[in-house]
Protein backbone atom coordinates (compact mmCIF):
# COMPACT_ATOMS: atom_id res chain seq x y z
CA MET A 1 -0.01 0.06 -0.06
CA GLY A 2 2.84 2.39 0.50
CA LEU A 3 3.70 2.67 -3.27
CA LEU A 4 -0.11 3.52 -4.16
CA ARG A 5 0.09 6.07 -1.55
CA LYS A 6 3.35 7.50 -2.92
CA ILE A 7 1.72 7.53 -6.42
CA ARG A 8 -1.55 9.28 -5.25
CA ASP A 9 0.44 11.81 -3.30
CA THR A 10 3.06 12.60 -6.01
CA GLY A 11 0.39 13.03 -8.59
CA ARG A 12 1.15 13.75 -12.13
CA VAL A 13 4.87 14.59 -12.96
CA ALA A 14 5.33 16.27 -16.43
CA GLU A 15 7.38 19.10 -17.75
CA PRO A 16 5.04 22.26 -17.53
CA ALA A 17 3.15 23.32 -20.47
CA PRO A 18 4.99 25.72 -22.86
CA PRO A 19 3.18 28.60 -23.96
CA PRO A 20 0.61 28.26 -26.80
CA PRO A 21 1.67 27.89 -30.34
CA GLY A 22 2.61 31.01 -32.03
CA GLY A 23 2.39 29.68 -35.55
CA GLU A 24 -0.87 29.83 -37.71
CA MET A 25 -3.01 26.77 -37.69
CA PRO A 26 -2.96 24.92 -40.90
CA ALA A 27 -6.56 25.08 -42.49
CA ALA A 28 -7.10 21.31 -42.38
CA ALA A 29 -6.22 21.20 -38.71
CA ARG A 30 -9.51 22.89 -37.79
CA GLU A 31 -11.20 19.85 -39.17
CA LEU A 32 -9.49 17.72 -36.66
CA GLY A 33 -11.21 19.10 -33.69
CA GLY A 34 -8.16 19.42 -30.93
CA SER A 35 -6.92 15.85 -31.36
CA ALA A 36 -4.71 14.28 -34.02
CA GLN A 37 -3.74 10.53 -34.63
CA VAL A 38 -0.01 10.78 -35.72
CA ARG A 39 2.00 8.32 -37.71
CA CYS A 40 5.50 8.52 -38.04
CA VAL A 41 7.41 7.91 -41.42
CA ASP A 42 11.09 7.33 -41.68
CA ALA A 43 11.94 8.24 -45.03
CA GLY A 44 15.70 7.43 -44.93
CA SER A 45 16.92 9.39 -41.72
CA CYS A 46 19.95 8.60 -39.28
CA ASN A 47 17.24 8.05 -36.55
CA GLY A 48 17.99 10.92 -34.45
CA CYS A 49 14.55 12.65 -35.11
CA GLU A 50 12.89 9.15 -34.02
CA ILE A 51 14.43 9.23 -30.88
CA GLU A 52 13.45 12.97 -30.15
CA ILE A 53 9.83 12.00 -31.07
CA GLY A 54 9.95 9.20 -28.81
CA MET A 55 10.94 11.77 -26.18
CA ALA A 56 8.10 13.74 -27.20
CA PHE A 57 5.77 11.17 -26.57
CA ASN A 58 7.23 9.76 -23.22
CA PRO A 59 5.65 10.57 -19.82
CA VAL A 60 7.92 13.39 -19.25
CA TYR A 61 6.76 15.77 -22.37
CA ASP A 62 3.68 13.97 -22.74
CA ALA A 63 2.65 15.03 -26.04
CA GLU A 64 -0.68 13.42 -25.68
CA ARG A 65 -1.87 15.96 -23.57
CA TYR A 66 -2.10 18.10 -26.50
CA GLY A 67 -4.24 15.99 -28.28
CA ALA A 68 -1.48 14.20 -30.22
CA ARG A 69 -1.65 10.18 -30.34
CA LEU A 70 0.52 7.86 -32.08
CA VAL A 71 -0.93 5.24 -34.16
CA ALA A 72 0.06 2.05 -35.86
CA SER A 73 -1.36 2.45 -39.28
CA PRO A 74 -1.45 5.34 -41.91
CA ARG A 75 -5.24 4.56 -42.54
CA HIS A 76 -5.80 5.39 -39.12
CA ALA A 77 -3.68 8.65 -39.34
CA ASP A 78 -4.49 12.47 -39.34
CA VAL A 79 -0.90 13.59 -39.31
CA LEU A 80 2.17 12.10 -40.76
CA LEU A 81 5.30 12.84 -39.10
CA VAL A 82 7.84 12.57 -41.87
CA THR A 83 11.65 12.53 -40.95
CA GLY A 84 14.92 12.22 -42.94
CA PRO A 85 15.61 12.85 -46.71
CA VAL A 86 13.36 10.91 -49.01
CA THR A 87 15.69 8.46 -50.39
CA ARG A 88 15.11 6.66 -53.97
CA ASN A 89 13.78 3.56 -52.23
CA MET A 90 11.54 5.41 -49.84
CA ALA A 91 9.80 7.82 -52.67
CA ALA A 92 7.13 5.62 -54.00
CA PRO A 93 6.39 4.31 -50.05
CA LEU A 94 6.17 7.74 -48.92
CA LYS A 95 3.69 8.78 -51.57
CA ALA A 96 1.54 5.45 -50.98
CA THR A 97 1.49 6.17 -47.31
CA VAL A 98 0.55 9.78 -47.86
CA ALA A 99 -2.38 8.23 -50.32
CA ALA A 100 -3.42 5.85 -47.43
CA ALA A 101 -4.18 8.65 -44.96
CA ALA A 102 -7.77 9.90 -45.08
CA GLU A 103 -8.35 13.55 -45.95
CA PRO A 104 -7.91 15.85 -44.07
CA ARG A 105 -4.66 14.86 -43.72
CA LEU A 106 -1.55 16.73 -42.80
CA VAL A 107 2.12 16.19 -43.43
CA VAL A 108 4.73 17.31 -40.77
CA ALA A 109 8.46 17.62 -41.85
CA VAL A 110 10.48 17.01 -38.89
CA GLY A 111 14.31 17.96 -38.85
CA ASP A 112 16.59 19.57 -41.23
CA CYS A 113 16.75 16.55 -43.47
CA ALA A 114 13.21 16.39 -44.15
CA LEU A 115 13.25 20.06 -44.80
CA GLY A 116 16.07 20.36 -46.95
CA CYS A 117 18.38 17.03 -46.84
CA GLY A 118 20.65 18.53 -44.08
CA GLU A 119 23.63 16.14 -43.97
CA PHE A 120 22.71 14.15 -46.52
CA THR A 121 22.89 16.61 -49.44
CA GLY A 122 24.38 15.27 -52.64
CA GLY A 123 24.18 11.62 -51.02
CA TYR A 124 24.29 8.76 -53.85
CA GLY A 125 20.87 7.66 -52.19
CA LEU A 126 18.91 10.49 -53.28
CA ALA A 127 17.76 10.70 -56.78
CA SER A 128 17.66 14.15 -58.34
CA GLU A 129 13.92 14.34 -58.13
CA THR A 130 13.97 13.46 -54.37
CA GLY A 131 15.67 14.62 -50.95
CA ALA A 132 13.27 17.18 -49.17
CA VAL A 133 9.87 15.98 -48.55
CA GLU A 134 8.38 18.74 -49.85
CA ASP A 135 9.85 17.69 -53.23
CA LEU A 136 7.26 14.93 -53.35
CA VAL A 137 4.15 15.84 -51.20
CA ARG A 138 2.70 18.94 -49.68
CA VAL A 139 4.11 19.89 -46.47
CA ASP A 140 1.70 21.60 -43.98
CA VAL A 141 3.85 22.17 -40.63
CA ARG A 142 7.94 22.34 -40.86
CA ILE A 143 9.65 21.56 -37.62
CA PRO A 144 13.79 22.64 -38.16
CA GLY A 145 16.68 21.05 -36.21
CA CYS A 146 19.04 18.46 -36.00
CA PRO A 147 17.54 16.91 -34.41
CA PRO A 148 14.72 19.08 -32.87
CA GLU A 149 14.21 19.08 -29.17
CA PRO A 150 10.94 17.26 -28.22
CA ALA A 151 9.59 20.89 -27.03
CA ALA A 152 9.71 21.76 -30.80
CA ILE A 153 8.17 18.79 -31.81
CA ILE A 154 5.34 19.29 -29.49
CA ALA A 155 4.91 22.82 -30.43
CA GLY A 156 4.60 21.73 -34.02
CA LEU A 157 1.86 19.09 -33.04
CA ARG A 158 0.28 21.93 -31.05
CA GLN A 159 -0.01 24.00 -34.08
CA VAL A 160 -1.92 21.05 -35.64
CA THR A 161 -4.29 20.26 -32.54
CA GLY A 162 -4.78 23.94 -31.41
CA ARG A 163 -4.15 22.93 -27.83
């Protein structure tokens, strides 16, 4: 019983909420009603952004308190978090994943590599027509950083949920 008492007495332990998002909410985000089902898509990254996304959803940062929840399938997703530069082998799967998500769907480019190839600029795995996520699909929210901090990822998600 001592552990249950300690849990009850401690209460919720999380980072304090940052100020409300300053960026403009994408038009499609208004239709989501304050919550978003999020699917992560690695288009060829070094996994640094994925680690930070995991941190954003852990109990310390707790992105779910702002209405963002991770889902396992793009068919259940409202928002696609895309990381890394788009490699030749991931161009078609990325387009198919975006097409599988129901409208209104939002695409969030996470990290410098997703925004403009970052460290991978000129790499042999990138075809001339690929690289930045924006070269293949419409991007609604951009989160810069190498890798972006969890607070920045949460700020981007708050633009989508409006919470």
